[in-house]
C-alpha atoms as a PDB file:
ATOM      1  CA  MET A   1     -74.585  31.696  45.291  1.00  0.00           C
ATOM      2  CA  LYS A   2     -74.534  28.831  47.752  1.00  0.00           C
ATOM      3  CA  LEU A   3     -77.628  27.796  49.599  1.00  0.00           C
ATOM      4  CA  PRO A   4     -77.766  28.882  53.226  1.00  0.00           C
ATOM      5  CA  VAL A   5     -77.115  26.641  56.187  1.00  0.00           C
ATOM      6  CA  TYR A   6     -79.621  23.810  56.202  1.00  0.00           C
ATOM      7  CA  SER A   7     -81.483  24.226  59.458  1.00  0.00           C
ATOM      8  CA  VAL A   8     -82.573  20.956  60.888  1.00  0.00           C
ATOM      9  CA  LEU A   9     -83.974  21.753  64.244  1.00  0.00           C
ATOM     10  CA  ALA A  10     -85.123  18.317  65.269  1.00  0.00           C
ATOM     11  CA  MET A  11     -86.543  17.694  68.694  1.00  0.00           C
ATOM     12  CA  LEU A  12     -83.975  15.911  70.794  1.00  0.00           C
ATOM     13  CA  ALA A  13     -85.053  12.556  72.157  1.00  0.00           C
ATOM     14  CA  LEU A  14     -84.365  13.189  75.802  1.00  0.00           C
ATOM     15  CA  ALA A  15     -86.565  12.513  78.750  1.00  0.00           C
ATOM     16  CA  PRO A  16     -87.980  15.936  79.561  1.00  0.00           C
ATOM     17  CA  SER A  17     -87.351  17.000  83.111  1.00  0.00           C
ATOM     18  CA  GLY A  18     -87.431  20.600  84.257  1.00  0.00           C
ATOM     19  CA  ALA A  19     -84.274  22.398  83.197  1.00  0.00           C
ATOM     20  CA  ARG A  20     -83.373  19.709  80.659  1.00  0.00           C
ATOM     21  CA  ALA A  21     -86.691  20.209  78.847  1.00  0.00           C
ATOM     22  CA  ASP A  22     -86.051  23.959  78.756  1.00  0.00           C
ATOM     23  CA  ALA A  23     -82.538  23.362  77.382  1.00  0.00           C
ATOM     24  CA  VAL A  24     -83.932  21.099  74.644  1.00  0.00           C
ATOM     25  CA  ALA A  25     -86.529  23.720  73.725  1.00  0.00           C
ATOM     26  CA  ASP A  26     -83.852  26.424  73.637  1.00  0.00           C
ATOM     27  CA  CYS A  27     -81.545  24.224  71.531  1.00  0.00           C
ATOM     28  CA  ASN A  28     -84.318  23.791  68.966  1.00  0.00           C
ATOM     29  CA  ASN A  29     -85.235  27.501  68.896  1.00  0.00           C
ATOM     30  CA  ASP A  30     -83.440  29.321  66.099  1.00  0.00           C
ATOM     31  CA  SER A  31     -85.058  32.708  66.705  1.00  0.00           C
ATOM     32  CA  ASP A  32     -82.558  33.689  69.432  1.00  0.00           C
ATOM     33  CA  LEU A  33     -79.040  32.488  68.580  1.00  0.00           C
ATOM     34  CA  THR A  34     -77.574  33.209  72.021  1.00  0.00           C
ATOM     35  CA  ARG A  35     -80.368  31.246  73.678  1.00  0.00           C
ATOM     36  CA  GLN A  36     -79.953  28.432  71.153  1.00  0.00           C
ATOM     37  CA  ILE A  37     -76.204  28.178  71.780  1.00  0.00           C
ATOM     38  CA  ARG A  38     -76.750  28.192  75.561  1.00  0.00           C
ATOM     39  CA  GLY A  39     -79.486  25.525  75.307  1.00  0.00           C
ATOM     40  CA  CYS A  40     -77.473  23.277  73.008  1.00  0.00           C
ATOM     41  CA  THR A  41     -74.433  23.619  75.282  1.00  0.00           C
ATOM     42  CA  LYS A  42     -76.549  22.419  78.241  1.00  0.00           C
ATOM     43  CA  VAL A  43     -77.910  19.498  76.228  1.00  0.00           C
ATOM     44  CA  ILE A  44     -74.407  18.546  75.062  1.00  0.00           C
ATOM     45  CA  SER A  45     -73.066  18.550  78.622  1.00  0.00           C
ATOM     46  CA  LYS A  46     -75.838  16.195  79.787  1.00  0.00           C
ATOM     47  CA  THR A  47     -76.213  13.912  76.761  1.00  0.00           C
ATOM     48  CA  MET A  48     -74.226  10.835  75.894  1.00  0.00           C
ATOM     49  CA  LEU A  49     -76.542   9.397  73.211  1.00  0.00           C
ATOM     50  CA  GLY A  50     -75.370   9.590  69.597  1.00  0.00           C
ATOM     51  CA  ASP A  51     -78.399  10.989  67.781  1.00  0.00           C
ATOM     52  CA  PRO A  52     -79.521  13.636  70.309  1.00  0.00           C
ATOM     53  CA  LEU A  53     -75.914  14.642  70.933  1.00  0.00           C
ATOM     54  CA  SER A  54     -75.293  14.934  67.186  1.00  0.00           C
ATOM     55  CA  THR A  55     -78.387  17.105  66.780  1.00  0.00           C
ATOM     56  CA  ALA A  56     -77.402  19.377  69.665  1.00  0.00           C
ATOM     57  CA  TYR A  57     -73.905  19.900  68.227  1.00  0.00           C
ATOM     58  CA  MET A  58     -75.379  20.519  64.786  1.00  0.00           C
ATOM     59  CA  ASN A  59     -77.942  23.052  66.035  1.00  0.00           C
ATOM     60  CA  ARG A  60     -75.254  24.904  67.965  1.00  0.00           C
ATOM     61  CA  GLY A  61     -73.010  24.787  64.885  1.00  0.00           C
ATOM     62  CA  ILE A  62     -75.811  26.309  62.811  1.00  0.00           C
ATOM     63  CA  ALA A  63     -76.164  29.124  65.358  1.00  0.00           C
ATOM     64  CA  TYR A  64     -72.399  29.734  65.338  1.00  0.00           C
ATOM     65  CA  ALA A  65     -72.387  29.770  61.520  1.00  0.00           C
ATOM     66  CA  GLN A  66     -75.197  32.326  61.483  1.00  0.00           C
ATOM     67  CA  ARG A  67     -73.178  34.469  63.903  1.00  0.00           C
ATOM     68  CA  LYS A  68     -70.172  34.097  61.546  1.00  0.00           C
ATOM     69  CA  ASP A  69     -68.149  32.278  64.227  1.00  0.00           C
ATOM     70  CA  LEU A  70     -66.956  29.805  61.615  1.00  0.00           C
ATOM     71  CA  LYS A  71     -64.203  28.036  63.588  1.00  0.00           C
ATOM     72  CA  LYS A  72     -66.669  27.121  66.328  1.00  0.00           C
ATOM     73  CA  ALA A  73     -69.209  26.088  63.687  1.00  0.00           C
ATOM     74  CA  VAL A  74     -66.712  23.703  62.043  1.00  0.00           C
ATOM     75  CA  ALA A  75     -65.800  22.260  65.439  1.00  0.00           C
ATOM     76  CA  ASP A  76     -69.456  21.646  66.315  1.00  0.00           C
ATOM     77  CA  PHE A  77     -70.318  20.128  62.933  1.00  0.00           C
ATOM     78  CA  SER A  78     -67.294  17.834  63.323  1.00  0.00           C
ATOM     79  CA  SER A  79     -68.488  16.843  66.807  1.00  0.00           C
ATOM     80  CA  SER A  80     -71.957  16.228  65.377  1.00  0.00           C
ATOM     81  CA  ILE A  81     -70.445  13.893  62.789  1.00  0.00           C
ATOM     82  CA  ASN A  82     -68.382  12.122  65.462  1.00  0.00           C
ATOM     83  CA  ALA A  83     -71.555  11.533  67.492  1.00  0.00           C
ATOM     84  CA  ASN A  84     -73.513  10.263  64.455  1.00  0.00           C
ATOM     85  CA  SER A  85     -71.612   9.649  61.234  1.00  0.00           C
ATOM     86  CA  ALA A  86     -74.917   9.192  59.360  1.00  0.00           C
ATOM     87  CA  ASN A  87     -75.971  12.827  59.916  1.00  0.00           C
ATOM     88  CA  ASN A  88     -75.970  14.079  56.329  1.00  0.00           C
ATOM     89  CA  PHE A  89     -77.046  17.563  57.442  1.00  0.00           C
ATOM     90  CA  ALA A  90     -73.918  17.944  59.588  1.00  0.00           C
ATOM     91  CA  TYR A  91     -71.720  17.149  56.568  1.00  0.00           C
ATOM     92  CA  TYR A  92     -73.729  19.533  54.403  1.00  0.00           C
ATOM     93  CA  ASN A  93     -73.554  22.373  56.916  1.00  0.00           C
ATOM     94  CA  ARG A  94     -69.831  21.875  57.520  1.00  0.00           C
ATOM     95  CA  GLY A  95     -69.366  21.957  53.736  1.00  0.00           C
ATOM     96  CA  ASN A  96     -71.132  25.318  53.638  1.00  0.00           C
ATOM     97  CA  VAL A  97     -68.804  26.686  56.304  1.00  0.00           C
ATOM     98  CA  TYR A  98     -65.783  25.373  54.404  1.00  0.00           C
ATOM     99  CA  LEU A  99     -67.034  27.263  51.336  1.00  0.00           C
ATOM    100  CA  ASP A 100     -67.350  30.404  53.467  1.00  0.00           C
ATOM    101  CA  LEU A 101     -63.773  29.834  54.645  1.00  0.00           C
ATOM    102  CA  GLY A 102     -62.541  29.529  51.032  1.00  0.00           C
ATOM    103  CA  LYS A 103     -61.795  25.792  51.315  1.00  0.00           C
ATOM    104  CA  PRO A 104     -63.731  24.316  48.376  1.00  0.00           C
ATOM    105  CA  LYS A 105     -61.876  20.968  48.358  1.00  0.00           C
ATOM    106  CA  LEU A 106     -62.944  20.293  51.953  1.00  0.00           C
ATOM    107  CA  ALA A 107     -66.466  21.428  51.053  1.00  0.00           C
ATOM    108  CA  ILE A 108     -66.560  18.993  48.115  1.00  0.00           C
ATOM    109  CA  ALA A 109     -65.568  16.112  50.408  1.00  0.00           C
ATOM    110  CA  ASP A 110     -68.337  16.985  52.875  1.00  0.00           C
ATOM    111  CA  TYR A 111     -71.004  17.457  50.194  1.00  0.00           C
ATOM    112  CA  SER A 112     -69.970  14.119  48.679  1.00  0.00           C
ATOM    113  CA  LYS A 113     -70.337  12.398  52.056  1.00  0.00           C
ATOM    114  CA  ALA A 114     -73.758  14.019  52.583  1.00  0.00           C
ATOM    115  CA  LEU A 115     -74.778  12.707  49.166  1.00  0.00           C
ATOM    116  CA  GLU A 116     -73.549   9.191  49.980  1.00  0.00           C
ATOM    117  CA  ILE A 117     -75.962   9.230  52.902  1.00  0.00           C
ATOM    118  CA  ALA A 118     -78.805  11.082  51.136  1.00  0.00           C
ATOM    119  CA  PRO A 119     -78.413  10.899  47.326  1.00  0.00           C
ATOM    120  CA  ASP A 120     -81.493  13.061  46.745  1.00  0.00           C
ATOM    121  CA  MET A 121     -80.161  16.072  48.660  1.00  0.00           C
ATOM    122  CA  SER A 122     -80.390  18.697  45.907  1.00  0.00           C
ATOM    123  CA  PRO A 123     -78.845  21.526  48.009  1.00  0.00           C
ATOM    124  CA  ALA A 124     -75.706  19.398  48.480  1.00  0.00           C
ATOM    125  CA  LEU A 125     -75.546  18.760  44.718  1.00  0.00           C
ATOM    126  CA  LEU A 126     -75.961  22.458  43.987  1.00  0.00           C
ATOM    127  CA  ASN A 127     -73.320  23.557  46.483  1.00  0.00           C
ATOM    128  CA  ARG A 128     -70.903  20.807  45.412  1.00  0.00           C
ATOM    129  CA  GLY A 129     -71.385  22.121  41.865  1.00  0.00           C
ATOM    130  CA  LEU A 130     -70.418  25.585  43.071  1.00  0.00           C
ATOM    131  CA  ALA A 131     -67.390  24.206  44.926  1.00  0.00           C
ATOM    132  CA  ASN A 132     -66.313  22.217  41.848  1.00  0.00           C
ATOM    133  CA  GLU A 133     -66.635  25.398  39.817  1.00  0.00           C
ATOM    134  CA  MET A 134     -64.400  27.183  42.332  1.00  0.00           C
ATOM    135  CA  VAL A 135     -61.638  24.576  41.909  1.00  0.00           C
ATOM    136  CA  GLY A 136     -61.978  24.678  38.107  1.00  0.00           C
ATOM    137  CA  ASP A 137     -63.600  21.265  37.583  1.00  0.00           C
ATOM    138  CA  LYS A 138     -66.115  22.358  34.960  1.00  0.00           C
ATOM    139  CA  ASP A 139     -67.297  18.835  34.037  1.00  0.00           C
ATOM    140  CA  ALA A 140     -68.006  17.868  37.654  1.00  0.00           C
ATOM    141  CA  SER A 141     -69.730  21.178  38.241  1.00  0.00           C
ATOM    142  CA  ILE A 142     -71.992  20.739  35.220  1.00  0.00           C
ATOM    143  CA  ALA A 143     -72.805  17.171  36.288  1.00  0.00           C
ATOM    144  CA  ASP A 144     -73.746  18.359  39.789  1.00  0.00           C
ATOM    145  CA  PHE A 145     -75.905  21.205  38.499  1.00  0.00           C
ATOM    146  CA  ARG A 146     -77.702  18.810  36.142  1.00  0.00           C
ATOM    147  CA  ALA A 147     -78.231  16.251  38.900  1.00  0.00           C
ATOM    148  CA  ALA A 148     -79.640  18.970  41.174  1.00  0.00           C
ATOM    149  CA  LEU A 149     -82.014  20.034  38.397  1.00  0.00           C
ATOM    150  CA  ALA A 150     -83.129  16.440  37.859  1.00  0.00           C
ATOM    151  CA  LEU A 151     -84.250  16.408  41.496  1.00  0.00           C
ATOM    152  CA  GLU A 152     -85.570  19.962  41.563  1.00  0.00           C
ATOM    153  CA  PRO A 153     -86.308  21.247  38.029  1.00  0.00           C
ATOM    154  CA  THR A 154     -86.891  24.854  39.088  1.00  0.00           C
ATOM    155  CA  LEU A 155     -83.649  25.262  41.040  1.00  0.00           C
ATOM    156  CA  TYR A 156     -82.685  28.660  39.649  1.00  0.00           C
ATOM    157  CA  ALA A 157     -79.112  28.628  40.988  1.00  0.00           C
ATOM    158  CA  ALA A 158     -78.389  25.359  39.134  1.00  0.00           C
ATOM    159  CA  ILE A 159     -79.841  26.789  35.920  1.00  0.00           C
ATOM    160  CA  GLU A 160     -77.679  29.886  36.323  1.00  0.00           C
ATOM    161  CA  GLY A 161     -74.631  27.725  37.023  1.00  0.00           C
ATOM    162  CA  LEU A 162     -75.141  25.800  33.798  1.00  0.00           C
ATOM    163  CA  LYS A 163     -75.567  29.026  31.846  1.00  0.00           C
ATOM    164  CA  ARG A 164     -72.470  30.530  33.461  1.00  0.00           C
ATOM    165  CA  LEU A 165     -70.461  27.460  32.419  1.00  0.00           C
ATOM    166  CA  GLY A 166     -71.841  27.560  28.862  1.00  0.00           C
ATOM    167  CA  ALA A 167     -73.707  24.269  29.220  1.00  0.00           C
ATOM    168  CA  ASP A 168     -77.110  23.464  27.780  1.00  0.00           C
ATOM    169  CA  VAL A 169     -79.896  23.881  30.275  1.00  0.00           C
ATOM    170  CA  ALA A 170     -82.388  21.052  29.860  1.00  0.00           C
ATOM    171  CA  ILE A 171     -85.571  21.209  31.893  1.00  0.00           C
ATOM    172  CA  GLY A 172     -87.858  18.304  31.203  1.00  0.00           C
ATOM    173  CA  GLU A 173     -87.982  17.822  27.436  1.00  0.00           C
ATOM    174  CA  GLN A 174     -86.941  21.409  26.631  1.00  0.00           C
ATOM    175  CA  SER A 175     -83.406  22.613  26.149  1.00  0.00           C
ATOM    176  CA  SER A 176     -82.257  26.222  25.976  1.00  0.00           C
ATOM    177  CA  ARG A 177     -79.038  28.133  26.219  1.00  0.00           C
END
């Protein structure tokens, strides 16, 4: 089972002023998806800066993904990446949507890019392991599950993945099967 969308609801670095401040607050509020999409859309239309624009696209993409509007989610995660190519969370989230769309090779590419930027991102390792399993690359899948466990030794989904693939599960000094 893949990990859910990685919500990164960072405050956008915009000068607060009336309606803009409300739009930023709405864009960062994940409790009401319609309000979040509307707020992020307002921020996007008024923002030219890379990092805040990337975050607004990503937050709106997360809301679209949660509403199962996957084409719009992919478009927004792609726009987030275009605004800030160092946004590892945008790659990770787009990878999750690609998995949902049954496109594991595209997911693997996005998880790999997220890991280039943030090598200690255990959810990206876990989900890339799942995507590698989907395309039949058992060795890569096992390597990803083990790497995820090295970062997060109690990551149950990685342990289950190793068991499912018939690999030894080593946690710390112990090994079991």
